[in-house]
Amino acid sequence: MSMQKAMSSGECTSEALVLAYIERIHRYNPLINAVLEINPDALEIARNLDLERNTKGSRGPLHGIPILLKDNINTHDRMHTSAGSIALAESFAPQDSFIAAKLRTAGAVLLGKANMTEWSNFMSDRMPAGYSSRGGYVLNPYGPGKLFVSGSSSGSASAVAASLAAAAIGTETAGSIVGPASQHFLVGIKPTVGLASRSGIIPISISQDTPGPISKTVTDAATLLGVIVGIDENDKATWTSPHRTFHDYTSYLDRDFLRKARVGIPRFYYQSLDEERLSIMESAIEVLREQGATIIDPVDLHLEQHPWNNDVICYEFKTGLNRYLSKLNSDMPVHSLQELIDYNRKHAASALKFGQDNLIRSEENTLNEITYQLKRQEYNQQAVTKGIDYALDQHGLDALMLPGDIDGMYIAARLGYPLITVPAGYSVNGTIDADGDSTQGPFGVVFSGRAFSEPTLIGIAYSFEQATLSRRPPDLGN
């Protein structure tokens, strides 16, 4: 990060950075509603880190860097953790999440909490991306009120795009990091499930949830990823990642990586693109060729239309959320999913603008543990034998390249496989899609690979980024 170089050389301080971001939040956040709250201790933390740098030296690349966290990530401080719900608007986490503790140890300044789609968009099928009862609507700085924000980490992406923080941490179950990053001209990495711990994060799905970085460059995203990964005794998924975890992913930033890469094009996911976005994707394919990549076009996954297993996700959500809520302080109004549903009904005017059908469906879920495991195993077997691994093995591929909308991300989500998105182009006119959202604005490409292929995906993404340099900042009148 250039900020780290400036602090190391004495050109600026962490305190000055934090102050500048706070001033920028006060100036521009009213336009986009991306930041829920600022850490009241941020300036003091920055001053202490500046003193430490001067007396003991730097802790590393994140020392003094201001980072935002999505509002479903626990921080044991004077900030709240609410998943965007007014039911938890006054909730203080009893302890840091694993990744918040990792960031603090690395010297990052936890600047604030980012707005998000309430309950990570698992509250209601009618809830629009970016809305929460606690924070209202997140808006896209490239066209506030006009352009789609995508996914539940929308506040994290909107804030970084508007330069309200150096970078942010989002979470993803299915498209909620890479979707918003794509729609905001940013880089987002959804790591393999198990690479970074979920303990202390308000859950949806134990089999799919993962935190990950959102930033302006592949370099910054790779830097953040190296800090948040690690084995956590409280998250069994991380126990599978020894010897597949790296603490410096920047070593895979290879400008010439595409010369040796084989990339597949799953045309099924290109069919619904409007003319402008299809043109962006075709241009991206041509960039890959120009950089020396071998392109296999088309590639079939054979699972493109396989239905989402709602029973499995509802079972995991109910189980995980009940566990999380039961550990909250006794003065909180809800300690179970049923109590949350009852609270929302009692405060319907403010809590149920878009209903809570997914919460109710999850509470009514009747799967037992044995049936749940059988259903989950059945899908995973089909996804492995007919999905991403099948396509990569059949053609000897390093990765697949998908459009930066959420549709193509579900297969990777269900398997817990990694994704990375990189800015690719801007749709000037756009259309209105089937969900009523505008396709105008920034658009990214998404690279998908097998489990723990982050080094390869980062190499491909960095090579593509450096060949295109497509990102441009939004015009907020500054």
Protein backbone atom coordinates (compact mmCIF):
# COMPACT_ATOMS: atom_id res chain seq x y z
CA MET A 1 0.00 0.00 0.00
CA SER A 2 1.32 3.46 -0.89
CA MET A 3 0.04 4.70 2.49
CA GLN A 4 2.41 2.32 4.25
CA LYS A 5 5.35 3.69 2.29
CA ALA A 6 4.33 7.24 3.17
CA MET A 7 4.14 6.42 6.88
CA SER A 8 7.45 4.55 6.78
CA SER A 9 9.15 7.54 5.18
CA GLY A 10 7.59 9.99 7.63
CA GLU A 11 5.53 11.77 4.97
CA CYS A 12 2.33 11.14 6.95
CA THR A 13 1.07 9.38 10.06
CA SER A 14 -1.68 6.93 10.87
CA GLU A 15 -3.36 9.65 12.90
CA ALA A 16 -3.40 11.92 9.86
CA LEU A 17 -4.82 9.13 7.69
CA VAL A 18 -7.57 8.30 10.16
CA LEU A 19 -8.47 11.96 10.56
CA ALA A 20 -8.63 12.41 6.78
CA TYR A 21 -10.91 9.39 6.40
CA ILE A 22 -13.17 10.52 9.22
CA GLU A 23 -13.50 13.94 7.62
CA ARG A 24 -14.25 12.28 4.28
CA ILE A 25 -16.89 10.04 5.88
CA HIS A 26 -18.59 13.09 7.39
CA ARG A 27 -18.51 14.79 3.99
CA TYR A 28 -19.55 11.99 1.63
CA ASN A 29 -21.26 9.27 3.64
CA PRO A 30 -24.56 11.21 3.69
CA LEU A 31 -24.61 10.70 -0.11
CA ILE A 32 -24.13 6.92 -0.06
CA ASN A 33 -24.96 5.70 3.46
CA ALA A 34 -22.12 3.16 3.42
CA VAL A 35 -20.72 3.60 6.95
CA LEU A 36 -22.93 2.79 9.94
CA GLU A 37 -20.61 4.07 12.65
CA ILE A 38 -17.06 5.31 13.21
CA ASN A 39 -14.92 3.73 15.88
CA PRO A 40 -14.81 6.39 18.65
CA ASP A 41 -11.33 5.15 19.60
CA ALA A 42 -9.88 5.18 16.08
CA LEU A 43 -7.77 8.32 16.51
CA GLU A 44 -6.34 7.16 19.82
CA ILE A 45 -5.48 3.76 18.31
CA ALA A 46 -3.75 5.51 15.41
CA ARG A 47 -1.71 7.74 17.74
CA ASN A 48 -0.55 4.71 19.72
CA LEU A 49 0.43 2.91 16.52
CA ASP A 50 2.40 5.97 15.37
CA LEU A 51 4.24 5.98 18.68
CA GLU A 52 4.93 2.28 18.39
CA ARG A 53 6.28 2.72 14.86
CA ASN A 54 8.67 5.41 16.07
CA THR A 55 9.89 3.46 19.10
CA LYS A 56 9.70 -0.21 18.09
CA GLY A 57 9.22 -0.22 14.33
CA SER A 58 6.41 -1.35 12.06
CA ARG A 59 4.37 -4.51 12.60
CA GLY A 60 4.03 -5.01 8.86
CA PRO A 61 2.07 -3.85 5.80
CA LEU A 62 -1.14 -3.05 7.70
CA HIS A 63 0.47 -1.04 10.52
CA GLY A 64 -1.64 2.10 10.92
CA ILE A 65 -3.90 1.39 7.93
CA PRO A 66 -7.61 2.28 8.45
CA ILE A 67 -9.90 -0.67 7.64
CA LEU A 68 -13.71 -0.92 7.74
CA LEU A 69 -15.51 -4.09 8.85
CA LYS A 70 -18.92 -5.29 7.72
CA ASP A 71 -21.49 -4.94 10.50
CA ASN A 72 -21.82 -8.71 11.04
CA ILE A 73 -18.19 -9.03 12.25
CA ASN A 74 -17.71 -8.90 16.03
CA THR A 75 -15.43 -6.28 17.50
CA HIS A 76 -14.99 -6.13 21.27
CA ASP A 77 -14.85 -2.37 21.59
CA ARG A 78 -17.21 0.59 21.59
CA MET A 79 -18.66 -0.30 18.18
CA HIS A 80 -21.87 -2.30 17.76
CA THR A 81 -22.34 -5.52 15.79
CA SER A 82 -25.89 -5.83 14.48
CA ALA A 83 -26.03 -7.45 11.01
CA GLY A 84 -27.97 -4.31 10.08
CA SER A 85 -30.90 -5.20 12.35
CA ILE A 86 -32.53 -2.72 14.72
CA ALA A 87 -33.03 -5.68 17.07
CA LEU A 88 -29.25 -5.68 17.67
CA ALA A 89 -28.65 -1.95 17.22
CA GLU A 90 -27.31 -1.69 20.78
CA SER A 91 -25.43 -4.99 20.82
CA PHE A 92 -21.78 -4.97 21.84
CA ALA A 93 -19.86 -8.14 21.01
CA PRO A 94 -18.59 -10.07 24.05
CA GLN A 95 -15.25 -10.63 22.31
CA ASP A 96 -13.42 -9.94 19.05
CA SER A 97 -14.03 -12.14 16.05
CA PHE A 98 -10.96 -14.14 15.04
CA ILE A 99 -10.26 -11.88 12.06
CA ALA A 100 -10.78 -8.64 14.00
CA ALA A 101 -8.16 -9.88 16.45
CA LYS A 102 -5.85 -10.77 13.54
CA LEU A 103 -6.25 -7.28 12.08
CA ARG A 104 -5.52 -5.62 15.41
CA THR A 105 -2.41 -7.76 15.88
CA ALA A 106 -1.24 -6.74 12.40
CA GLY A 107 -1.57 -3.08 13.41
CA ALA A 108 -4.67 -2.17 11.39
CA VAL A 109 -6.92 0.60 12.68
CA LEU A 110 -10.51 -0.68 12.81
CA LEU A 111 -12.05 2.53 11.51
CA GLY A 112 -15.73 1.66 11.69
CA LYS A 113 -18.58 -0.63 10.70
CA ALA A 114 -19.99 -0.74 7.19
CA ASN A 115 -23.70 -0.87 6.41
CA MET A 116 -24.96 -4.09 4.82
CA THR A 117 -28.03 -5.91 3.58
CA GLU A 118 -29.79 -6.96 6.78
CA TRP A 119 -28.96 -10.48 8.03
CA SER A 120 -26.71 -10.78 4.96
CA ASN A 121 -29.78 -10.71 2.70
CA PHE A 122 -31.28 -13.84 4.27
CA MET A 123 -34.22 -12.06 5.89
CA SER A 124 -36.64 -11.71 3.01
CA ASP A 125 -36.78 -12.53 -0.70
CA ARG A 126 -38.22 -9.04 -1.23
CA MET A 127 -35.42 -7.14 0.49
CA PRO A 128 -33.30 -5.12 -1.98
CA ALA A 129 -29.52 -5.38 -1.87
CA GLY A 130 -28.02 -2.79 0.45
CA TYR A 131 -31.00 -2.21 2.73
CA SER A 132 -31.01 -2.64 6.51
CA SER A 133 -33.53 -1.55 9.12
CA ARG A 134 -30.71 -0.09 11.20
CA GLY A 135 -28.87 1.74 8.43
CA GLY A 136 -31.26 2.31 5.54
CA TYR A 137 -30.15 2.03 1.91
CA VAL A 138 -26.53 1.76 0.77
CA LEU A 139 -26.07 3.66 -2.50
CA ASN A 140 -23.51 3.19 -5.25
CA PRO A 141 -21.17 6.23 -5.46
CA TYR A 142 -20.96 5.85 -9.25
CA GLY A 143 -24.65 6.78 -9.43
CA PRO A 144 -26.32 7.20 -6.03
CA GLY A 145 -29.90 5.95 -6.15
CA LYS A 146 -29.55 4.78 -9.76
CA LEU A 147 -26.98 1.99 -9.93
CA PHE A 148 -27.14 -1.51 -8.42
CA VAL A 149 -25.05 -2.14 -5.29
CA SER A 150 -25.32 -5.98 -5.28
CA GLY A 151 -24.75 -8.43 -2.44
CA SER A 152 -24.84 -7.97 1.31
CA SER A 153 -21.31 -6.48 1.60
CA SER A 154 -22.59 -3.47 -0.32
CA GLY A 155 -21.61 -0.96 2.37
CA SER A 156 -18.06 -2.29 2.47
CA ALA A 157 -17.74 -1.91 -1.30
CA SER A 158 -19.47 1.46 -1.54
CA ALA A 159 -17.24 2.87 1.21
CA VAL A 160 -13.99 1.68 -0.36
CA ALA A 161 -15.05 2.90 -3.81
CA ALA A 162 -15.73 6.34 -2.33
CA SER A 163 -12.38 6.31 -0.47
CA LEU A 164 -13.96 6.29 2.99
CA ALA A 165 -11.35 3.73 4.09
CA ALA A 166 -8.20 2.18 2.70
CA ALA A 167 -9.97 -1.19 2.35
CA ALA A 168 -12.70 -3.25 3.98
CA ILE A 169 -13.57 -6.74 5.08
CA GLY A 170 -16.82 -8.21 3.79
CA THR A 171 -18.39 -11.64 4.10
CA GLU A 172 -19.81 -13.92 1.46
CA THR A 173 -22.22 -16.82 1.41
CA ALA A 174 -23.06 -16.58 -2.28
CA GLY A 175 -21.78 -13.55 -4.18
CA SER A 176 -21.78 -11.02 -1.34
CA ILE A 177 -18.11 -10.00 -1.68
CA VAL A 178 -17.46 -10.42 -5.39
CA GLY A 179 -20.87 -9.05 -6.44
CA PRO A 180 -20.55 -5.66 -4.69
CA ALA A 181 -16.86 -5.41 -5.60
CA SER A 182 -17.72 -5.93 -9.26
CA GLN A 183 -20.45 -3.28 -9.14
CA HIS A 184 -18.09 -0.74 -7.53
CA PHE A 185 -14.96 -1.12 -9.72
CA LEU A 186 -13.10 -2.94 -6.96
CA VAL A 187 -11.15 -6.10 -6.28
CA GLY A 188 -12.83 -8.63 -4.01
CA ILE A 189 -11.55 -12.00 -2.88
CA LYS A 190 -13.92 -14.67 -1.63
CA PRO A 191 -11.47 -17.18 -0.08
CA THR A 192 -11.91 -20.93 0.10
CA VAL A 193 -14.12 -21.76 3.08
CA GLY A 194 -11.69 -22.67 5.85
CA LEU A 195 -8.92 -20.31 4.80
CA ALA A 196 -10.15 -17.54 7.12
CA SER A 197 -12.09 -18.16 10.33
CA ARG A 198 -15.81 -17.37 10.73
CA SER A 199 -15.83 -17.42 14.55
CA GLY A 200 -17.36 -14.22 15.86
CA ILE A 201 -19.18 -13.51 12.58
CA ILE A 202 -23.00 -13.55 12.51
CA PRO A 203 -23.67 -16.61 10.34
CA ILE A 204 -25.85 -17.81 7.51
CA SER A 205 -24.25 -21.05 6.36
CA ILE A 206 -21.48 -22.99 8.09
CA SER A 207 -20.69 -24.68 4.77
CA GLN A 208 -20.51 -21.50 2.68
CA ASP A 209 -19.75 -18.42 4.82
CA THR A 210 -16.34 -16.78 4.62
CA PRO A 211 -14.85 -13.33 5.27
CA GLY A 212 -12.68 -11.71 2.63
CA PRO A 213 -11.05 -8.45 1.52
CA ILE A 214 -12.48 -5.67 -0.67
CA SER A 215 -9.97 -3.14 -2.00
CA LYS A 216 -9.00 -0.99 -4.96
CA THR A 217 -6.15 -3.20 -6.18
CA VAL A 218 -5.20 -6.86 -6.32
CA THR A 219 -2.05 -5.98 -4.36
CA ASP A 220 -4.05 -4.55 -1.45
CA ALA A 221 -6.48 -7.48 -1.49
CA ALA A 222 -3.63 -9.99 -1.44
CA THR A 223 -2.01 -8.11 1.44
CA LEU A 224 -5.22 -8.18 3.49
CA LEU A 225 -5.85 -11.84 2.71
CA GLY A 226 -2.47 -12.82 4.12
CA VAL A 227 -3.32 -11.13 7.41
CA ILE A 228 -6.77 -12.65 8.02
CA VAL A 229 -6.04 -16.30 7.18
CA GLY A 230 -5.09 -18.83 9.85
CA ILE A 231 -6.06 -21.82 11.94
CA ASP A 232 -8.71 -21.15 14.58
CA GLU A 233 -9.51 -23.77 17.20
CA ASN A 234 -13.09 -22.43 17.27
CA ASP A 235 -13.73 -22.96 13.54
CA LYS A 236 -13.32 -26.57 12.40
CA ALA A 237 -13.30 -25.53 8.74
CA THR A 238 -9.88 -23.92 9.25
CA TRP A 239 -8.44 -27.22 10.49
CA THR A 240 -8.34 -28.44 6.88
CA SER A 241 -6.06 -25.63 5.67
CA PRO A 242 -2.58 -26.37 7.13
CA HIS A 243 0.09 -26.30 4.40
CA ARG A 244 -2.46 -24.65 2.07
CA THR A 245 -2.42 -21.27 3.83
CA PHE A 246 0.07 -18.52 3.02
CA HIS A 247 0.75 -15.42 5.06
CA ASP A 248 2.14 -13.45 2.12
CA TYR A 249 -0.04 -13.73 -0.96
CA THR A 250 1.75 -10.76 -2.53
CA SER A 251 4.49 -13.16 -3.64
CA TYR A 252 2.01 -14.42 -6.26
CA LEU A 253 1.61 -11.02 -7.92
CA ASP A 254 3.08 -11.99 -11.28
CA ARG A 255 2.57 -9.48 -14.10
CA ASP A 256 3.25 -12.22 -16.67
CA PHE A 257 1.18 -14.98 -15.08
CA LEU A 258 -1.32 -15.11 -17.97
CA ARG A 259 1.41 -16.30 -20.32
CA LYS A 260 1.24 -19.72 -18.69
CA ALA A 261 -2.46 -19.79 -17.76
CA ARG A 262 -5.30 -21.85 -19.24
CA VAL A 263 -8.68 -20.20 -18.74
CA GLY A 264 -12.12 -21.62 -19.55
CA ILE A 265 -15.19 -19.64 -20.63
CA PRO A 266 -18.51 -21.02 -19.27
CA ARG A 267 -20.77 -19.53 -21.94
CA PHE A 268 -23.97 -20.47 -20.09
CA TYR A 269 -23.38 -17.52 -17.75
CA TYR A 270 -22.82 -15.08 -20.61
CA GLN A 271 -26.26 -15.69 -22.17
CA SER A 272 -28.23 -13.27 -20.00
CA LEU A 273 -25.82 -10.35 -20.41
CA ASP A 274 -27.02 -7.25 -22.22
CA GLU A 275 -25.07 -6.07 -25.24
CA GLU A 276 -22.76 -3.70 -23.36
CA ARG A 277 -21.77 -6.14 -20.65
CA LEU A 278 -21.29 -8.93 -23.16
CA SER A 279 -18.95 -6.61 -25.05
CA ILE A 280 -16.98 -6.00 -21.84
CA MET A 281 -16.61 -9.76 -21.37
CA GLU A 282 -15.56 -10.35 -24.98
CA SER A 283 -12.94 -7.61 -24.61
CA ALA A 284 -11.70 -9.29 -21.42
CA ILE A 285 -11.33 -12.61 -23.25
CA GLU A 286 -9.30 -10.85 -25.93
CA VAL A 287 -7.05 -9.35 -23.23
CA LEU A 288 -6.38 -12.84 -21.90
CA ARG A 289 -5.37 -13.98 -25.38
CA GLU A 290 -3.18 -10.93 -25.95
CA GLN A 291 -1.38 -11.64 -22.67
CA GLY A 292 -0.61 -15.17 -23.82
CA ALA A 293 -3.29 -17.20 -22.03
CA THR A 294 -4.73 -20.33 -23.60
CA ILE A 295 -8.51 -19.92 -23.87
CA ILE A 296 -10.94 -22.85 -23.95
CA ASP A 297 -14.28 -21.54 -25.20
CA PRO A 298 -16.88 -22.79 -24.45
CA VAL A 299 -16.69 -24.87 -21.26
CA ASP A 300 -19.68 -26.71 -19.79
CA LEU A 301 -20.17 -27.26 -16.07
CA HIS A 302 -23.30 -29.49 -16.34
CA LEU A 303 -24.69 -28.03 -13.10
CA GLU A 304 -25.63 -24.56 -14.29
CA GLN A 305 -29.33 -25.01 -13.57
CA HIS A 306 -29.07 -27.28 -10.53
CA PRO A 307 -31.51 -25.89 -7.92
CA TRP A 308 -30.35 -24.25 -4.70
CA ASN A 309 -30.89 -26.49 -1.69
CA ASN A 310 -32.93 -24.16 0.51
CA ASP A 311 -33.54 -26.79 3.18
CA VAL A 312 -29.81 -27.12 3.83
CA ILE A 313 -29.21 -23.36 4.04
CA CYS A 314 -32.26 -22.78 6.26
CA TYR A 315 -31.10 -25.56 8.60
CA GLU A 316 -27.61 -24.08 8.84
CA PHE A 317 -28.93 -20.54 9.33
CA LYS A 318 -31.29 -21.54 12.16
CA THR A 319 -28.64 -23.59 13.92
CA GLY A 320 -25.87 -21.02 13.55
CA LEU A 321 -27.97 -17.96 14.39
CA ASN A 322 -29.46 -19.56 17.50
CA ARG A 323 -25.94 -20.35 18.68
CA TYR A 324 -24.76 -16.77 18.04
CA LEU A 325 -27.77 -15.03 19.60
CA SER A 326 -27.72 -17.25 22.69
CA LYS A 327 -24.31 -15.84 23.61
CA LEU A 328 -25.32 -12.17 23.52
CA ASN A 329 -25.53 -10.08 26.65
CA SER A 330 -28.64 -10.68 28.76
CA ASP A 331 -29.93 -7.14 28.18
CA MET A 332 -30.35 -7.75 24.44
CA PRO A 333 -33.99 -8.16 23.29
CA VAL A 334 -33.39 -11.35 21.25
CA HIS A 335 -31.50 -14.55 22.03
CA SER A 336 -32.95 -16.92 19.42
CA LEU A 337 -34.33 -16.88 15.89
CA GLN A 338 -37.89 -17.19 17.21
CA GLU A 339 -37.36 -14.22 19.54
CA LEU A 340 -35.99 -12.25 16.58
CA ILE A 341 -39.10 -13.03 14.53
CA ASP A 342 -41.32 -12.00 17.46
CA TYR A 343 -39.33 -8.78 17.98
CA ASN A 344 -39.68 -7.86 14.31
CA ARG A 345 -43.44 -8.42 14.44
CA LYS A 346 -43.73 -6.25 17.53
CA HIS A 347 -41.74 -3.48 15.80
CA ALA A 348 -43.09 -4.08 12.31
CA ALA A 349 -43.21 -0.42 11.26
CA SER A 350 -39.43 -0.12 11.44
CA ALA A 351 -38.28 -3.75 11.30
CA LEU A 352 -40.42 -5.30 8.57
CA LYS A 353 -40.31 -2.95 5.62
CA PHE A 354 -39.75 -5.98 3.36
CA GLY A 355 -41.02 -8.80 5.56
CA GLN A 356 -39.12 -11.74 7.08
CA ASP A 357 -40.18 -14.78 5.04
CA ASN A 358 -36.70 -16.32 5.08
CA LEU A 359 -36.46 -16.00 8.85
CA ILE A 360 -39.81 -17.71 9.26
CA ARG A 361 -38.94 -20.41 6.71
CA SER A 362 -35.73 -21.12 8.61
CA GLU A 363 -37.48 -21.30 11.99
CA GLU A 364 -40.01 -23.74 10.54
CA ASN A 365 -37.30 -25.92 8.97
CA THR A 366 -37.74 -29.53 10.14
CA LEU A 367 -34.55 -31.20 8.89
CA ASN A 368 -32.77 -33.34 11.43
CA GLU A 369 -28.99 -33.67 11.54
CA ILE A 370 -28.90 -36.96 9.61
CA THR A 371 -31.16 -35.75 6.78
CA TYR A 372 -29.24 -32.48 6.62
CA GLN A 373 -25.90 -34.27 6.24
CA LEU A 374 -27.28 -36.57 3.52
CA LYS A 375 -28.71 -33.66 1.49
CA ARG A 376 -25.50 -31.66 1.81
CA GLN A 377 -23.36 -34.65 0.80
CA GLU A 378 -25.57 -35.39 -2.21
CA TYR A 379 -25.17 -31.90 -3.62
CA ASN A 380 -21.43 -31.72 -2.95
CA GLN A 381 -20.81 -35.01 -4.75
CA GLN A 382 -22.66 -33.77 -7.84
CA ALA A 383 -20.91 -30.41 -7.75
CA VAL A 384 -17.47 -32.02 -7.59
CA THR A 385 -18.13 -34.62 -10.28
CA LYS A 386 -20.05 -32.33 -12.65
CA GLY A 387 -19.03 -28.81 -11.64
CA ILE A 388 -15.86 -26.73 -11.32
CA ASP A 389 -13.41 -29.58 -10.69
CA TYR A 390 -14.88 -31.52 -13.60
CA ALA A 391 -14.46 -28.62 -16.01
CA LEU A 392 -10.93 -27.78 -14.83
CA ASP A 393 -9.78 -31.41 -15.01
CA GLN A 394 -11.41 -32.11 -18.37
CA HIS A 395 -9.62 -29.23 -20.08
CA GLY A 396 -6.51 -28.89 -17.91
CA LEU A 397 -7.59 -25.42 -16.80
CA ASP A 398 -6.22 -23.09 -14.14
CA ALA A 399 -9.44 -21.09 -13.80
CA LEU A 400 -12.80 -20.16 -15.25
CA MET A 401 -13.73 -16.56 -16.15
CA LEU A 402 -17.28 -15.49 -15.28
CA PRO A 403 -19.21 -12.22 -15.63
CA GLY A 404 -19.28 -10.16 -12.44
CA ASP A 405 -22.93 -10.71 -11.60
CA ILE A 406 -24.03 -13.14 -8.93
CA ASP A 407 -25.57 -15.88 -11.11
CA GLY A 408 -22.27 -17.51 -12.01
CA MET A 409 -21.02 -17.59 -8.44
CA TYR A 410 -23.45 -20.07 -6.93
CA ILE A 411 -21.61 -23.27 -7.83
CA ALA A 412 -18.40 -22.00 -6.23
CA ALA A 413 -20.42 -20.83 -3.22
CA ARG A 414 -22.02 -24.21 -2.63
CA LEU A 415 -18.65 -25.93 -2.68
CA GLY A 416 -16.87 -23.27 -0.63
CA TYR A 417 -14.48 -22.58 -3.53
CA PRO A 418 -12.58 -19.29 -4.06
CA LEU A 419 -13.40 -16.39 -6.36
CA ILE A 420 -11.69 -13.11 -7.21
CA THR A 421 -13.15 -10.19 -9.15
CA VAL A 422 -11.24 -7.47 -11.01
CA PRO A 423 -12.58 -4.30 -12.71
CA ALA A 424 -13.12 -4.84 -16.44
CA GLY A 425 -15.22 -2.04 -17.89
CA TYR A 426 -18.07 0.43 -17.52
CA SER A 427 -21.53 0.02 -19.00
CA VAL A 428 -22.49 3.53 -20.10
CA ASN A 429 -26.15 2.98 -21.00
CA GLY A 430 -27.15 -0.33 -19.47
CA THR A 431 -30.59 -1.90 -19.29
CA ILE A 432 -33.02 -2.95 -16.56
CA ASP A 433 -32.61 -6.63 -15.74
CA ALA A 434 -35.25 -9.20 -14.72
CA ASP A 435 -35.02 -8.12 -11.07
CA GLY A 436 -35.58 -4.46 -11.94
CA ASP A 437 -31.96 -3.45 -11.32
CA SER A 438 -29.93 -1.26 -13.65
CA THR A 439 -26.99 -2.91 -15.46
CA GLN A 440 -25.39 0.50 -15.98
CA GLY A 441 -22.10 1.24 -14.27
CA PRO A 442 -18.92 -0.60 -13.29
CA PHE A 443 -18.54 -4.26 -14.18
CA GLY A 444 -15.90 -6.81 -13.27
CA VAL A 445 -14.74 -10.21 -14.37
CA VAL A 446 -14.61 -13.07 -11.87
CA PHE A 447 -12.00 -15.82 -11.86
CA SER A 448 -13.06 -19.12 -10.30
CA GLY A 449 -10.90 -22.09 -9.35
CA ARG A 450 -10.72 -25.21 -7.22
CA ALA A 451 -10.33 -25.22 -3.43
CA PHE A 452 -7.27 -23.37 -2.08
CA SER A 453 -6.26 -22.09 -5.53
CA GLU A 454 -5.93 -18.49 -4.26
CA PRO A 455 -2.27 -18.19 -5.38
CA THR A 456 -3.25 -19.06 -8.96
CA LEU A 457 -6.32 -16.82 -8.98
CA ILE A 458 -4.34 -13.90 -7.55
CA GLY A 459 -1.68 -14.37 -10.23
CA ILE A 460 -4.28 -14.39 -13.01
CA ALA A 461 -6.18 -11.43 -11.54
CA TYR A 462 -3.05 -9.34 -11.08
CA SER A 463 -1.85 -10.05 -14.61
CA PHE A 464 -5.28 -9.08 -15.99
CA GLU A 465 -5.46 -5.97 -13.80
CA GLN A 466 -2.06 -4.70 -14.88
CA ALA A 467 -2.89 -5.30 -18.55
CA THR A 468 -6.15 -3.35 -18.36
CA LEU A 469 -6.08 -0.83 -15.47
CA SER A 470 -9.82 -0.38 -15.97
CA ARG A 471 -10.71 1.10 -12.60
CA ARG A 472 -11.58 4.76 -12.30
CA PRO A 473 -12.86 6.55 -9.18
CA PRO A 474 -16.44 7.82 -8.84
CA ASP A 475 -17.15 11.51 -9.24
CA LEU A 476 -18.43 12.76 -5.88
CA GLY A 477 -17.65 16.36 -6.56
CA ASN A 478 -14.15 16.19 -5.11
